[in-house]
C-alpha cells in the first residue's frame, strides 16, 4: 500500500499524486482512489490508467457529476464501458 498525504495548507495535489504513482511497480495491478469530481487531482490520478471505474451516489447531484466524469474519461482516452 502506498499513501500520500498533503500538508495542511498545501493546495497542489497533482505533484503528490505523481509522486505516489512513481512508486508503483511495473507489471503489477494498482488501484488508485481519486477524489470525486473532475478537478486536476482526478485528472492526474486517471492519467495513463488502463481502466476507470466511476462510482456515484444515487441522487440527482450524483448523476450530474457522473455525466461530467464520463465525458472527462472519454476525452482522456481511457477505456470506458457502460453497465
N, C-alpha and C. Protein backbone atom coordinates (compact mmCIF):
# COMPACT_ATOMS: atom_id res chain seq x y z
N UNK A 1 0.85 -1.17 0.00
CA UNK A 1 0.00 0.00 0.00
C UNK A 1 0.90 1.23 0.00
N UNK A 2 0.58 2.14 -0.88
CA UNK A 2 1.31 3.41 -0.97
C UNK A 2 0.32 4.51 -0.64
N UNK A 3 0.73 5.42 0.21
CA UNK A 3 -0.16 6.50 0.63
C UNK A 3 0.58 7.82 0.53
N UNK A 4 -0.14 8.84 0.08
CA UNK A 4 0.42 10.18 0.06
C UNK A 4 -0.42 11.09 0.92
N UNK A 5 0.22 12.04 1.57
CA UNK A 5 -0.51 12.98 2.43
C UNK A 5 -0.09 14.40 2.10
N UNK A 6 -1.09 15.25 1.94
CA UNK A 6 -0.83 16.67 1.76
C UNK A 6 -0.68 17.34 3.11
N UNK A 7 0.24 18.27 3.21
CA UNK A 7 0.35 19.06 4.42
C UNK A 7 -0.80 20.06 4.45
N UNK A 8 -1.22 20.44 5.63
CA UNK A 8 -2.28 21.43 5.77
C UNK A 8 -1.86 22.72 5.07
N UNK A 9 -2.75 23.24 4.26
CA UNK A 9 -2.48 24.48 3.55
C UNK A 9 -1.86 24.30 2.17
N UNK A 10 -1.47 23.07 1.83
CA UNK A 10 -0.90 22.81 0.51
C UNK A 10 -2.05 22.56 -0.45
N UNK A 11 -2.09 23.36 -1.51
CA UNK A 11 -3.24 23.29 -2.41
C UNK A 11 -2.99 22.42 -3.64
N UNK A 12 -1.77 22.03 -3.90
CA UNK A 12 -1.46 21.33 -5.15
C UNK A 12 -1.33 19.83 -4.93
N UNK A 13 -2.39 19.10 -5.24
CA UNK A 13 -2.38 17.65 -5.08
C UNK A 13 -1.72 16.91 -6.25
N UNK A 14 -1.77 17.40 -7.51
CA UNK A 14 -1.17 16.63 -8.61
C UNK A 14 0.30 16.25 -8.41
N UNK A 15 1.17 17.12 -7.85
CA UNK A 15 2.54 16.66 -7.61
C UNK A 15 2.61 15.49 -6.63
N UNK A 16 1.76 15.50 -5.62
CA UNK A 16 1.71 14.40 -4.67
C UNK A 16 1.25 13.12 -5.37
N UNK A 17 0.24 13.24 -6.21
CA UNK A 17 -0.28 12.07 -6.94
C UNK A 17 0.79 11.50 -7.85
N UNK A 18 1.52 12.36 -8.56
CA UNK A 18 2.62 11.89 -9.41
C UNK A 18 3.68 11.18 -8.59
N UNK A 19 3.96 11.70 -7.40
CA UNK A 19 4.93 11.05 -6.52
C UNK A 19 4.50 9.67 -6.08
N UNK A 20 3.24 9.54 -5.74
CA UNK A 20 2.70 8.23 -5.36
C UNK A 20 2.78 7.27 -6.55
N UNK A 21 2.38 7.75 -7.73
CA UNK A 21 2.39 6.89 -8.92
C UNK A 21 3.81 6.47 -9.31
N UNK A 22 4.80 7.29 -8.97
CA UNK A 22 6.19 6.95 -9.27
C UNK A 22 6.67 5.73 -8.47
N UNK A 23 5.99 5.42 -7.38
CA UNK A 23 6.37 4.28 -6.55
C UNK A 23 5.61 3.00 -6.90
N UNK A 24 4.74 3.06 -7.91
CA UNK A 24 4.03 1.85 -8.33
C UNK A 24 5.00 0.90 -9.02
N UNK A 25 4.73 -0.38 -8.93
CA UNK A 25 5.60 -1.40 -9.54
C UNK A 25 5.08 -1.76 -10.92
N UNK A 26 5.96 -1.67 -11.92
CA UNK A 26 5.58 -2.03 -13.29
C UNK A 26 5.12 -3.48 -13.35
N UNK A 27 4.06 -3.70 -14.09
CA UNK A 27 3.54 -5.04 -14.28
C UNK A 27 2.61 -5.53 -13.18
N UNK A 28 2.51 -4.79 -12.09
CA UNK A 28 1.61 -5.19 -11.02
C UNK A 28 0.38 -4.30 -11.04
N UNK A 29 -0.79 -4.88 -10.81
CA UNK A 29 -2.00 -4.05 -10.78
C UNK A 29 -1.97 -3.07 -9.62
N UNK A 30 -2.59 -1.93 -9.84
CA UNK A 30 -2.69 -0.91 -8.79
C UNK A 30 -4.09 -0.31 -8.85
N UNK A 31 -4.65 -0.07 -7.70
CA UNK A 31 -5.94 0.60 -7.60
C UNK A 31 -5.69 1.97 -6.99
N UNK A 32 -6.04 3.00 -7.73
CA UNK A 32 -5.86 4.38 -7.28
C UNK A 32 -7.22 4.98 -6.99
N UNK A 33 -7.38 5.55 -5.82
CA UNK A 33 -8.63 6.17 -5.42
C UNK A 33 -8.51 7.67 -5.64
N UNK A 34 -9.38 8.20 -6.49
CA UNK A 34 -9.35 9.64 -6.80
C UNK A 34 -10.46 10.35 -6.04
N UNK A 35 -10.28 11.63 -5.81
CA UNK A 35 -11.36 12.40 -5.20
C UNK A 35 -12.54 12.50 -6.15
N UNK A 36 -13.71 12.85 -5.66
CA UNK A 36 -14.86 12.99 -6.56
C UNK A 36 -14.71 14.21 -7.46
N UNK A 37 -15.43 14.18 -8.56
CA UNK A 37 -15.46 15.34 -9.44
C UNK A 37 -14.57 15.20 -10.66
N UNK A 38 -14.23 16.35 -11.24
CA UNK A 38 -13.42 16.38 -12.47
C UNK A 38 -12.27 17.37 -12.33
N UNK A 39 -11.78 17.54 -11.13
CA UNK A 39 -10.72 18.51 -10.86
C UNK A 39 -9.35 17.99 -11.29
N UNK A 40 -8.35 18.84 -11.17
CA UNK A 40 -6.98 18.47 -11.54
C UNK A 40 -6.48 17.21 -10.81
N UNK A 41 -6.75 17.03 -9.52
CA UNK A 41 -6.31 15.79 -8.87
C UNK A 41 -6.93 14.54 -9.50
N UNK A 42 -8.16 14.64 -9.93
CA UNK A 42 -8.81 13.49 -10.58
C UNK A 42 -8.10 13.19 -11.90
N UNK A 43 -7.86 14.21 -12.68
CA UNK A 43 -7.20 14.02 -13.98
C UNK A 43 -5.80 13.45 -13.78
N UNK A 44 -5.07 13.94 -12.78
CA UNK A 44 -3.73 13.42 -12.50
C UNK A 44 -3.79 11.95 -12.11
N UNK A 45 -4.80 11.56 -11.35
CA UNK A 45 -4.94 10.17 -10.94
C UNK A 45 -5.28 9.27 -12.12
N UNK A 46 -6.15 9.73 -13.02
CA UNK A 46 -6.59 8.91 -14.14
C UNK A 46 -5.57 8.83 -15.27
N UNK A 47 -4.67 9.79 -15.35
CA UNK A 47 -3.70 9.83 -16.44
C UNK A 47 -2.93 8.51 -16.51
N UNK A 48 -2.83 7.95 -17.72
CA UNK A 48 -2.12 6.70 -18.01
C UNK A 48 -2.77 5.47 -17.37
N UNK A 49 -4.04 5.57 -17.01
CA UNK A 49 -4.70 4.41 -16.42
C UNK A 49 -5.15 3.44 -17.52
N UNK A 50 -5.26 2.19 -17.16
CA UNK A 50 -5.72 1.16 -18.09
C UNK A 50 -7.23 0.99 -18.03
N UNK A 51 -7.83 1.40 -16.92
CA UNK A 51 -9.26 1.18 -16.71
C UNK A 51 -9.74 2.17 -15.68
N UNK A 52 -10.95 2.64 -15.85
CA UNK A 52 -11.54 3.60 -14.91
C UNK A 52 -12.89 3.07 -14.45
N UNK A 53 -13.11 3.07 -13.16
CA UNK A 53 -14.40 2.70 -12.57
C UNK A 53 -14.95 3.94 -11.89
N UNK A 54 -16.11 4.40 -12.35
CA UNK A 54 -16.74 5.59 -11.77
C UNK A 54 -17.85 5.15 -10.82
N UNK A 55 -17.84 5.71 -9.63
CA UNK A 55 -18.84 5.39 -8.61
C UNK A 55 -19.56 6.68 -8.25
N UNK A 56 -20.87 6.59 -8.07
CA UNK A 56 -21.64 7.79 -7.72
C UNK A 56 -22.69 7.46 -6.68
N UNK A 57 -23.24 8.49 -6.11
CA UNK A 57 -24.35 8.32 -5.17
C UNK A 57 -25.66 8.43 -5.95
N UNK A 58 -26.72 7.77 -5.49
CA UNK A 58 -27.99 7.75 -6.23
C UNK A 58 -28.84 9.00 -5.97
N UNK A 59 -28.31 10.14 -6.38
CA UNK A 59 -29.03 11.40 -6.22
C UNK A 59 -28.94 12.18 -7.53
N UNK A 60 -29.80 13.16 -7.75
CA UNK A 60 -29.68 13.99 -8.96
C UNK A 60 -28.31 14.66 -9.06
N UNK A 61 -27.77 15.12 -7.94
CA UNK A 61 -26.45 15.74 -7.95
C UNK A 61 -25.38 14.73 -8.35
N UNK A 62 -25.50 13.50 -7.80
CA UNK A 62 -24.55 12.45 -8.16
C UNK A 62 -24.61 12.11 -9.63
N UNK A 63 -25.81 12.04 -10.21
CA UNK A 63 -25.96 11.76 -11.64
C UNK A 63 -25.35 12.88 -12.47
N UNK A 64 -25.55 14.11 -12.07
CA UNK A 64 -24.97 15.25 -12.78
C UNK A 64 -23.44 15.14 -12.80
N UNK A 65 -22.84 14.88 -11.65
CA UNK A 65 -21.38 14.76 -11.57
C UNK A 65 -20.88 13.54 -12.34
N UNK A 66 -21.65 12.46 -12.34
CA UNK A 66 -21.27 11.27 -13.08
C UNK A 66 -21.21 11.57 -14.58
N UNK A 67 -22.18 12.31 -15.08
CA UNK A 67 -22.18 12.67 -16.50
C UNK A 67 -20.94 13.49 -16.85
N UNK A 68 -20.56 14.41 -15.98
CA UNK A 68 -19.35 15.19 -16.21
C UNK A 68 -18.11 14.30 -16.19
N UNK A 69 -18.07 13.37 -15.25
CA UNK A 69 -16.92 12.47 -15.14
C UNK A 69 -16.81 11.54 -16.35
N UNK A 70 -17.94 11.04 -16.84
CA UNK A 70 -17.92 10.19 -18.03
C UNK A 70 -17.35 10.95 -19.21
N UNK A 71 -17.76 12.18 -19.39
CA UNK A 71 -17.24 12.99 -20.50
C UNK A 71 -15.74 13.22 -20.34
N UNK A 72 -15.30 13.47 -19.12
CA UNK A 72 -13.86 13.67 -18.86
C UNK A 72 -13.08 12.40 -19.21
N UNK A 73 -13.58 11.23 -18.81
CA UNK A 73 -12.88 9.98 -19.11
C UNK A 73 -12.86 9.74 -20.61
N UNK A 74 -13.95 10.01 -21.28
CA UNK A 74 -13.98 9.85 -22.75
C UNK A 74 -12.91 10.70 -23.41
N UNK A 75 -12.77 11.93 -22.97
CA UNK A 75 -11.77 12.83 -23.55
C UNK A 75 -10.34 12.41 -23.19
N UNK A 76 -10.19 11.70 -22.09
CA UNK A 76 -8.84 11.28 -21.68
C UNK A 76 -8.35 10.10 -22.51
N UNK A 77 -9.27 9.38 -23.13
CA UNK A 77 -8.88 8.22 -23.93
C UNK A 77 -8.79 6.93 -23.14
N UNK A 78 -9.08 6.96 -21.85
CA UNK A 78 -9.06 5.72 -21.05
C UNK A 78 -10.27 4.87 -21.43
N UNK A 79 -10.12 3.54 -21.36
CA UNK A 79 -11.25 2.67 -21.69
C UNK A 79 -12.44 2.94 -20.78
N UNK A 80 -13.61 2.95 -21.38
CA UNK A 80 -14.84 3.20 -20.63
C UNK A 80 -15.93 2.29 -21.17
N UNK A 81 -16.58 1.58 -20.29
CA UNK A 81 -17.68 0.71 -20.69
C UNK A 81 -18.87 0.99 -19.80
N UNK A 82 -20.03 1.14 -20.40
CA UNK A 82 -21.25 1.37 -19.63
C UNK A 82 -21.82 0.03 -19.18
N UNK A 83 -22.36 0.02 -17.98
CA UNK A 83 -23.02 -1.19 -17.47
C UNK A 83 -24.51 -0.99 -17.47
